[in-house]
Amino acid sequence: MAKKLYVGNLSYNTHEDNLRSLFSSFGTVESVKIITDRDTGNSKGFGFVEMGNDAEAQAAINGTNGSDLDGRAIKVNEAMDKPRRENNRW
């Protein structure tokens, strides 16, 4: 089962292809998504990489956390589920 990783402290010049290339050396990269501002389209400085399985995800965390990518020391860890917000409309 695929495991999603959070990748933070990305340079605004980093593209999804850069992340795919970096993480592919640790296993199968299922998907890559850099989060962008919906108004400007600019990167928000973080993204997500989905690895093929738990072992590949752990190898990617160990191999990339703190490493340099486009001049920035990236932070990589397991992605946490976003808590659901209740829609309180009065």
C-alpha atoms as a PDB file:
ATOM      1  CA  MET A   1       0.000   0.000   0.000  1.00  0.00           C
ATOM      2  CA  ALA A   2       1.284   3.465  -0.898  1.00  0.00           C
ATOM      3  CA  LYS A   3       2.586   5.748   1.842  1.00  0.00           C
ATOM      4  CA  LYS A   4       2.307   9.550   1.597  1.00  0.00           C
ATOM      5  CA  LEU A   5       5.219  11.753   2.702  1.00  0.00           C
ATOM      6  CA  TYR A   6       5.229  15.453   3.563  1.00  0.00           C
ATOM      7  CA  VAL A   7       8.102  17.443   2.039  1.00  0.00           C
ATOM      8  CA  GLY A   8       8.625  20.901   3.521  1.00  0.00           C
ATOM      9  CA  ASN A   9      10.990  23.867   3.183  1.00  0.00           C
ATOM     10  CA  LEU A  10      10.975  23.594  -0.601  1.00  0.00           C
ATOM     11  CA  SER A  11      12.450  26.337  -2.726  1.00  0.00           C
ATOM     12  CA  TYR A  12       9.837  28.246  -4.707  1.00  0.00           C
ATOM     13  CA  ASN A  13      11.834  27.173  -7.789  1.00  0.00           C
ATOM     14  CA  THR A  14      11.444  23.440  -7.086  1.00  0.00           C
ATOM     15  CA  HIS A  15       9.238  21.584  -9.563  1.00  0.00           C
ATOM     16  CA  GLU A  16       7.450  18.255  -9.251  1.00  0.00           C
ATOM     17  CA  ASP A  17       9.956  16.657 -11.642  1.00  0.00           C
ATOM     18  CA  ASN A  18      12.783  17.584  -9.211  1.00  0.00           C
ATOM     19  CA  LEU A  19      10.990  15.799  -6.360  1.00  0.00           C
ATOM     20  CA  ARG A  20      10.159  12.758  -8.486  1.00  0.00           C
ATOM     21  CA  SER A  21      13.809  12.462  -9.519  1.00  0.00           C
ATOM     22  CA  LEU A  22      15.094  12.765  -5.935  1.00  0.00           C
ATOM     23  CA  PHE A  23      12.656  10.248  -4.448  1.00  0.00           C
ATOM     24  CA  SER A  24      12.762   7.709  -7.295  1.00  0.00           C
ATOM     25  CA  SER A  25      16.175   6.493  -6.132  1.00  0.00           C
ATOM     26  CA  PHE A  26      14.437   5.109  -3.005  1.00  0.00           C
ATOM     27  CA  GLY A  27      11.670   3.196  -4.776  1.00  0.00           C
ATOM     28  CA  THR A  28       8.479   3.599  -6.759  1.00  0.00           C
ATOM     29  CA  VAL A  29       7.064   7.114  -6.735  1.00  0.00           C
ATOM     30  CA  GLU A  30       3.286   6.831  -7.114  1.00  0.00           C
ATOM     31  CA  SER A  31       2.571  10.583  -7.193  1.00  0.00           C
ATOM     32  CA  VAL A  32       4.104  13.998  -6.541  1.00  0.00           C
ATOM     33  CA  LYS A  33       2.207  17.188  -5.732  1.00  0.00           C
ATOM     34  CA  ILE A  34       3.620  20.607  -4.842  1.00  0.00           C
ATOM     35  CA  ILE A  35       0.960  22.732  -3.160  1.00  0.00           C
ATOM     36  CA  THR A  36       0.352  26.089  -4.819  1.00  0.00           C
ATOM     37  CA  ASP A  37      -1.532  29.239  -3.898  1.00  0.00           C
ATOM     38  CA  ARG A  38      -4.891  29.171  -5.656  1.00  0.00           C
ATOM     39  CA  ASP A  39      -4.805  32.898  -6.470  1.00  0.00           C
ATOM     40  CA  THR A  40      -1.216  33.335  -7.682  1.00  0.00           C
ATOM     41  CA  GLY A  41      -0.273  29.789  -8.654  1.00  0.00           C
ATOM     42  CA  ASN A  42       3.037  30.174  -6.779  1.00  0.00           C
ATOM     43  CA  SER A  43       4.413  27.339  -4.673  1.00  0.00           C
ATOM     44  CA  LYS A  44       3.602  27.435  -0.966  1.00  0.00           C
ATOM     45  CA  GLY A  45       6.955  25.786  -0.178  1.00  0.00           C
ATOM     46  CA  PHE A  46       5.713  22.284   0.588  1.00  0.00           C
ATOM     47  CA  GLY A  47       4.345  19.235  -1.132  1.00  0.00           C
ATOM     48  CA  PHE A  48       3.607  15.530  -0.938  1.00  0.00           C
ATOM     49  CA  VAL A  49       5.268  12.454  -2.409  1.00  0.00           C
ATOM     50  CA  GLU A  50       3.508   9.104  -2.403  1.00  0.00           C
ATOM     51  CA  MET A  51       5.874   6.117  -2.292  1.00  0.00           C
ATOM     52  CA  GLY A  52       4.977   2.563  -3.331  1.00  0.00           C
ATOM     53  CA  ASN A  53       5.149   0.950   0.130  1.00  0.00           C
ATOM     54  CA  ASP A  54       6.161   1.507   3.761  1.00  0.00           C
ATOM     55  CA  ALA A  55       9.743   0.283   3.333  1.00  0.00           C
ATOM     56  CA  GLU A  56      10.383   2.598   0.373  1.00  0.00           C
ATOM     57  CA  ALA A  57       8.797   5.492   2.264  1.00  0.00           C
ATOM     58  CA  GLN A  58      11.029   4.916   5.298  1.00  0.00           C
ATOM     59  CA  ALA A  59      14.123   4.667   3.082  1.00  0.00           C
ATOM     60  CA  ALA A  60      13.128   7.946   1.394  1.00  0.00           C
ATOM     61  CA  ILE A  61      12.647   9.683   4.764  1.00  0.00           C
ATOM     62  CA  ASN A  62      16.020   8.454   6.021  1.00  0.00           C
ATOM     63  CA  GLY A  63      17.769   9.357   2.772  1.00  0.00           C
ATOM     64  CA  THR A  64      16.283  12.788   2.085  1.00  0.00           C
ATOM     65  CA  ASN A  65      15.332  14.463   5.382  1.00  0.00           C
ATOM     66  CA  GLY A  66      17.734  17.376   5.870  1.00  0.00           C
ATOM     67  CA  SER A  67      19.276  16.978   2.425  1.00  0.00           C
ATOM     68  CA  ASP A  68      19.808  19.896   0.059  1.00  0.00           C
ATOM     69  CA  LEU A  69      17.364  20.417  -2.808  1.00  0.00           C
ATOM     70  CA  ASP A  70      17.620  23.583  -4.893  1.00  0.00           C
ATOM     71  CA  GLY A  71      19.614  25.308  -2.139  1.00  0.00           C
ATOM     72  CA  ARG A  72      17.243  24.444   0.746  1.00  0.00           C
ATOM     73  CA  ALA A  73      17.509  21.795   3.480  1.00  0.00           C
ATOM     74  CA  ILE A  74      14.230  19.936   2.997  1.00  0.00           C
ATOM     75  CA  LYS A  75      12.157  18.397   5.799  1.00  0.00           C
ATOM     76  CA  VAL A  76      10.653  14.991   5.034  1.00  0.00           C
ATOM     77  CA  ASN A  77       8.343  12.956   7.247  1.00  0.00           C
ATOM     78  CA  GLU A  78       5.224  10.840   7.092  1.00  0.00           C
ATOM     79  CA  ALA A  79       2.186  12.902   6.100  1.00  0.00           C
ATOM     80  CA  MET A  80      -0.536  13.211   8.704  1.00  0.00           C
ATOM     81  CA  ASP A  81      -4.218  13.162   7.836  1.00  0.00           C
ATOM     82  CA  LYS A  82      -5.733  16.625   7.824  1.00  0.00           C
ATOM     83  CA  PRO A  83      -8.373  16.939  10.548  1.00  0.00           C
ATOM     84  CA  ARG A  84     -11.867  17.425   9.207  1.00  0.00           C
ATOM     85  CA  ARG A  85     -13.482  20.757   9.882  1.00  0.00           C
ATOM     86  CA  GLU A  86     -17.143  20.925  10.628  1.00  0.00           C
ATOM     87  CA  ASN A  87     -19.124  23.271   8.474  1.00  0.00           C
ATOM     88  CA  ASN A  88     -20.932  25.434  10.998  1.00  0.00           C
ATOM     89  CA  ARG A  89     -23.255  27.662   9.024  1.00  0.00           C
ATOM     90  CA  TRP A  90     -25.806  29.620  10.932  1.00  0.00           C
END
